[in-house]
C-alpha atoms as a PDB file:
ATOM      1  CA  MET A   1       0.000   0.000   0.000  1.00  0.00           C
ATOM      2  CA  ASP A   2       1.370   3.393  -1.036  1.00  0.00           C
ATOM      3  CA  ASP A   3       0.800   6.287   1.372  1.00  0.00           C
ATOM      4  CA  LYS A   4       1.226   8.997  -1.233  1.00  0.00           C
ATOM      5  CA  LEU A   5      -1.628  11.530  -1.319  1.00  0.00           C
ATOM      6  CA  VAL A   6      -2.976  12.707  -4.655  1.00  0.00           C
ATOM      7  CA  THR A   7      -5.045  15.816  -5.358  1.00  0.00           C
ATOM      8  CA  ILE A   8      -8.226  14.783  -7.138  1.00  0.00           C
ATOM      9  CA  ARG A   9     -10.218  18.032  -6.951  1.00  0.00           C
ATOM     10  CA  VAL A  10      -9.579  21.696  -6.208  1.00  0.00           C
ATOM     11  CA  PHE A  11     -12.365  23.879  -4.845  1.00  0.00           C
ATOM     12  CA  SER A  12     -12.690  27.621  -4.427  1.00  0.00           C
ATOM     13  CA  ASP A  13     -15.632  27.128  -2.072  1.00  0.00           C
ATOM     14  CA  ASN A  14     -15.334  25.713   1.450  1.00  0.00           C
ATOM     15  CA  THR A  15     -18.852  24.284   1.381  1.00  0.00           C
ATOM     16  CA  GLN A  16     -18.330  22.322  -1.830  1.00  0.00           C
ATOM     17  CA  ALA A  17     -15.042  20.959  -0.519  1.00  0.00           C
ATOM     18  CA  HIS A  18     -16.700  19.686   2.651  1.00  0.00           C
ATOM     19  CA  ILE A  19     -19.590  18.129   0.740  1.00  0.00           C
ATOM     20  CA  ALA A  20     -17.146  16.224  -1.479  1.00  0.00           C
ATOM     21  CA  GLN A  21     -15.101  15.161   1.551  1.00  0.00           C
ATOM     22  CA  GLY A  22     -18.222  13.925   3.343  1.00  0.00           C
ATOM     23  CA  LEU A  23     -19.392  12.046   0.276  1.00  0.00           C
ATOM     24  CA  LEU A  24     -16.098  10.197  -0.018  1.00  0.00           C
ATOM     25  CA  GLU A  25     -15.872   9.449   3.699  1.00  0.00           C
ATOM     26  CA  ASP A  26     -19.477   8.176   3.746  1.00  0.00           C
ATOM     27  CA  ASN A  27     -18.377   5.706   1.057  1.00  0.00           C
ATOM     28  CA  GLY A  28     -15.325   4.549   2.997  1.00  0.00           C
ATOM     29  CA  VAL A  29     -12.700   6.611   1.180  1.00  0.00           C
ATOM     30  CA  LYS A  30     -10.307   8.394   3.513  1.00  0.00           C
ATOM     31  CA  CYS A  31      -9.458  11.893   2.381  1.00  0.00           C
ATOM     32  CA  VAL A  32      -8.158  15.234   3.613  1.00  0.00           C
ATOM     33  CA  LEU A  33      -8.603  18.870   2.677  1.00  0.00           C
ATOM     34  CA  ASN A  34      -5.534  21.036   2.190  1.00  0.00           C
ATOM     35  CA  ASN A  35      -5.463  24.883   2.242  1.00  0.00           C
ATOM     36  CA  GLU A  36      -8.855  24.979   3.937  1.00  0.00           C
ATOM     37  CA  ILE A  37      -7.813  27.517   6.569  1.00  0.00           C
ATOM     38  CA  MET A  38      -6.113  29.700   3.986  1.00  0.00           C
ATOM     39  CA  SER A  39      -9.520  30.359   2.390  1.00  0.00           C
ATOM     40  CA  SER A  40     -10.592  32.111   5.596  1.00  0.00           C
ATOM     41  CA  VAL A  41      -7.333  33.939   6.236  1.00  0.00           C
ATOM     42  CA  TYR A  42      -6.794  35.247   2.685  1.00  0.00           C
ATOM     43  CA  PRO A  43     -10.220  35.239   0.994  1.00  0.00           C
ATOM     44  CA  LEU A  44      -9.360  37.833  -1.674  1.00  0.00           C
ATOM     45  CA  THR A  45      -6.157  36.188  -2.883  1.00  0.00           C
ATOM     46  CA  PHE A  46      -7.124  32.613  -2.106  1.00  0.00           C
ATOM     47  CA  THR A  47      -7.573  31.369  -5.673  1.00  0.00           C
ATOM     48  CA  SER A  48      -4.062  32.547  -6.549  1.00  0.00           C
ATOM     49  CA  ILE A  49      -2.582  30.174  -3.929  1.00  0.00           C
ATOM     50  CA  GLY A  50      -4.287  27.129  -5.327  1.00  0.00           C
ATOM     51  CA  GLY A  51      -7.723  26.649  -3.767  1.00  0.00           C
ATOM     52  CA  ILE A  52      -8.863  23.962  -1.337  1.00  0.00           C
ATOM     53  CA  LYS A  53      -7.373  20.649  -2.420  1.00  0.00           C
ATOM     54  CA  LEU A  54      -9.138  17.342  -1.859  1.00  0.00           C
ATOM     55  CA  LEU A  55      -6.516  14.625  -1.443  1.00  0.00           C
ATOM     56  CA  VAL A  56      -6.874  10.848  -1.309  1.00  0.00           C
ATOM     57  CA  ASN A  57      -4.404   7.989  -1.041  1.00  0.00           C
ATOM     58  CA  CYS A  58      -3.082   7.071  -4.477  1.00  0.00           C
ATOM     59  CA  ASP A  59      -4.614   3.598  -4.055  1.00  0.00           C
ATOM     60  CA  SER A  60      -8.075   5.209  -3.705  1.00  0.00           C
ATOM     61  CA  VAL A  61      -8.000   7.571  -6.683  1.00  0.00           C
ATOM     62  CA  GLU A  62     -10.045   5.368  -9.004  1.00  0.00           C
ATOM     63  CA  ILE A  63     -12.907   4.747  -6.561  1.00  0.00           C
ATOM     64  CA  ALA A  64     -12.893   8.379  -5.367  1.00  0.00           C
ATOM     65  CA  GLU A  65     -13.114   9.631  -8.953  1.00  0.00           C
ATOM     66  CA  LYS A  66     -15.958   7.220  -9.661  1.00  0.00           C
ATOM     67  CA  ILE A  67     -17.893   8.438  -6.596  1.00  0.00           C
ATOM     68  CA  LEU A  68     -17.367  12.114  -7.370  1.00  0.00           C
ATOM     69  CA  ASN A  69     -18.100  11.744 -11.089  1.00  0.00           C
ATOM     70  CA  THR A  70     -21.333   9.894 -10.325  1.00  0.00           C
ATOM     71  CA  THR A  71     -22.493  12.855  -8.245  1.00  0.00           C
ATOM     72  CA  ASN A  72     -21.231  15.517 -10.699  1.00  0.00           C
ATOM     73  CA  PHE A  73     -18.383  16.889  -8.582  1.00  0.00           C
END
């Protein structure tokens, strides 16, 4: 098992990021959000630093993509 995390989505909206995270976790896919706090600290320049990244283990990319694509994320 590889522990490398892979970014599968980038969000500019905190709410959408949390919905996607919850959807994956409800389906047994462990994931984390990166840059989440930065969206609150620097809201005006946030998109220039990369957005909120949804990361999953590289072994879970295929199933995570399938789940998110099925729900139009």
